[in-house]
Amino acid sequence: MAQRLHLVFGGELIDPSKNTFKDVNDIHIVGMYPNYQSAFEAWKSNAQRTVDNAHMRYFIAHIHRLRDEETEISSTEELG
């Protein structure tokens, strides 16, 4: 069975209606989680902690969707 990793991160946005970070050097990396449920709990905890700041947003990235080890690599990926 494939491992389904999830990354939780967040930071202050330039505009709350968009997903552009004000300063990428200040992104808060909460952590990597082995399943969606634990990632969701971490996301919710951080999102609730910063609820008073409309510019703060936290996200869950589905790391397992970025690469499927069963799929043959592309010629571009072999370069590097």
C-alpha atoms as a PDB file:
ATOM      1  CA  MET A   1       0.000   0.000   0.000  1.00  0.00           C
ATOM      2  CA  ALA A   2       1.338   3.432  -0.946  1.00  0.00           C
ATOM      3  CA  GLN A   3       2.107   5.917   1.778  1.00  0.00           C
ATOM      4  CA  ARG A   4      -0.074   9.027   1.548  1.00  0.00           C
ATOM      5  CA  LEU A   5       2.012  11.902   2.883  1.00  0.00           C
ATOM      6  CA  HIS A   6       0.517  15.327   3.581  1.00  0.00           C
ATOM      7  CA  LEU A   7       2.358  18.581   4.289  1.00  0.00           C
ATOM      8  CA  VAL A   8       0.723  21.275   6.431  1.00  0.00           C
ATOM      9  CA  PHE A   9       2.029  24.824   6.020  1.00  0.00           C
ATOM     10  CA  GLY A  10       0.810  28.380   6.218  1.00  0.00           C
ATOM     11  CA  GLY A  11       1.665  32.021   6.346  1.00  0.00           C
ATOM     12  CA  GLU A  12       0.507  35.559   5.823  1.00  0.00           C
ATOM     13  CA  LEU A  13      -1.037  36.356   2.442  1.00  0.00           C
ATOM     14  CA  ILE A  14      -0.757  39.640   0.539  1.00  0.00           C
ATOM     15  CA  ASP A  15      -4.498  39.603  -0.128  1.00  0.00           C
ATOM     16  CA  PRO A  16      -6.906  37.295   1.741  1.00  0.00           C
ATOM     17  CA  SER A  17      -8.812  36.614  -1.487  1.00  0.00           C
ATOM     18  CA  LYS A  18      -5.710  35.156  -3.178  1.00  0.00           C
ATOM     19  CA  ASN A  19      -3.085  32.501  -2.324  1.00  0.00           C
ATOM     20  CA  THR A  20       0.068  34.612  -2.666  1.00  0.00           C
ATOM     21  CA  PHE A  21       2.295  34.713   0.410  1.00  0.00           C
ATOM     22  CA  LYS A  22       3.525  38.078   1.673  1.00  0.00           C
ATOM     23  CA  ASP A  23       6.996  36.659   2.430  1.00  0.00           C
ATOM     24  CA  VAL A  24       7.888  33.077   1.470  1.00  0.00           C
ATOM     25  CA  ASN A  25      10.758  33.178   3.983  1.00  0.00           C
ATOM     26  CA  ASP A  26       8.159  33.430   6.763  1.00  0.00           C
ATOM     27  CA  ILE A  27       6.105  30.390   5.737  1.00  0.00           C
ATOM     28  CA  HIS A  28       5.356  28.243   8.773  1.00  0.00           C
ATOM     29  CA  ILE A  29       6.020  24.572   8.026  1.00  0.00           C
ATOM     30  CA  VAL A  30       3.815  22.744  10.514  1.00  0.00           C
ATOM     31  CA  GLY A  31       4.915  19.277   9.489  1.00  0.00           C
ATOM     32  CA  MET A  32       4.543  16.154   7.376  1.00  0.00           C
ATOM     33  CA  TYR A  33       1.757  13.713   8.242  1.00  0.00           C
ATOM     34  CA  PRO A  34       1.175  10.077   7.220  1.00  0.00           C
ATOM     35  CA  ASN A  35      -2.556  10.477   6.521  1.00  0.00           C
ATOM     36  CA  TYR A  36      -5.176  13.115   5.803  1.00  0.00           C
ATOM     37  CA  GLN A  37      -6.862  12.868   9.201  1.00  0.00           C
ATOM     38  CA  SER A  38      -3.737  13.783  11.178  1.00  0.00           C
ATOM     39  CA  ALA A  39      -2.878  16.523   8.647  1.00  0.00           C
ATOM     40  CA  PHE A  40      -6.395  17.916   8.966  1.00  0.00           C
ATOM     41  CA  GLU A  41      -6.111  18.032  12.759  1.00  0.00           C
ATOM     42  CA  ALA A  42      -2.799  19.929  12.508  1.00  0.00           C
ATOM     43  CA  TRP A  43      -4.262  22.283   9.895  1.00  0.00           C
ATOM     44  CA  LYS A  44      -7.356  22.955  12.001  1.00  0.00           C
ATOM     45  CA  SER A  45      -5.334  23.629  15.138  1.00  0.00           C
ATOM     46  CA  ASN A  46      -3.117  26.182  13.390  1.00  0.00           C
ATOM     47  CA  ALA A  47      -5.990  27.764  11.460  1.00  0.00           C
ATOM     48  CA  GLN A  48      -8.012  28.237  14.665  1.00  0.00           C
ATOM     49  CA  ARG A  49      -4.982  29.664  16.490  1.00  0.00           C
ATOM     50  CA  THR A  50      -4.639  32.396  13.836  1.00  0.00           C
ATOM     51  CA  VAL A  51      -8.343  33.038  13.176  1.00  0.00           C
ATOM     52  CA  ASP A  52      -8.076  36.694  14.269  1.00  0.00           C
ATOM     53  CA  ASN A  53      -5.671  37.489  11.411  1.00  0.00           C
ATOM     54  CA  ALA A  54      -7.625  37.509   8.137  1.00  0.00           C
ATOM     55  CA  HIS A  55      -4.386  37.371   6.131  1.00  0.00           C
ATOM     56  CA  MET A  56      -3.143  34.116   7.706  1.00  0.00           C
ATOM     57  CA  ARG A  57      -3.910  30.894   5.861  1.00  0.00           C
ATOM     58  CA  TYR A  58      -2.901  27.294   6.363  1.00  0.00           C
ATOM     59  CA  PHE A  59      -2.947  24.639   3.655  1.00  0.00           C
ATOM     60  CA  ILE A  60      -2.707  20.871   3.290  1.00  0.00           C
ATOM     61  CA  ALA A  61      -0.556  19.717   0.369  1.00  0.00           C
ATOM     62  CA  HIS A  62      -1.150  16.169  -0.826  1.00  0.00           C
ATOM     63  CA  ILE A  63       2.489  15.177  -1.298  1.00  0.00           C
ATOM     64  CA  HIS A  64       1.548  11.668  -2.430  1.00  0.00           C
ATOM     65  CA  ARG A  65      -0.147  13.174  -5.503  1.00  0.00           C
ATOM     66  CA  LEU A  66       3.051  14.865  -6.686  1.00  0.00           C
ATOM     67  CA  ARG A  67       4.720  11.665  -7.732  1.00  0.00           C
ATOM     68  CA  ASP A  68       3.549   8.154  -8.401  1.00  0.00           C
ATOM     69  CA  GLU A  69       6.504   5.788  -8.111  1.00  0.00           C
ATOM     70  CA  GLU A  70       4.728   3.264 -10.354  1.00  0.00           C
ATOM     71  CA  THR A  71       4.688   5.718 -13.283  1.00  0.00           C
ATOM     72  CA  GLU A  72       7.638   5.798 -15.652  1.00  0.00           C
ATOM     73  CA  ILE A  73       9.649   9.031 -15.348  1.00  0.00           C
ATOM     74  CA  SER A  74       9.628  11.602 -18.122  1.00  0.00           C
ATOM     75  CA  SER A  75      12.687  12.496 -20.175  1.00  0.00           C
ATOM     76  CA  THR A  76      12.722  15.950 -18.536  1.00  0.00           C
ATOM     77  CA  GLU A  77      12.813  14.431 -15.054  1.00  0.00           C
ATOM     78  CA  GLU A  78      15.818  12.286 -15.990  1.00  0.00           C
ATOM     79  CA  LEU A  79      17.818  15.469 -16.578  1.00  0.00           C
ATOM     80  CA  GLY A  80      17.640  16.405 -13.117  1.00  0.00           C
END
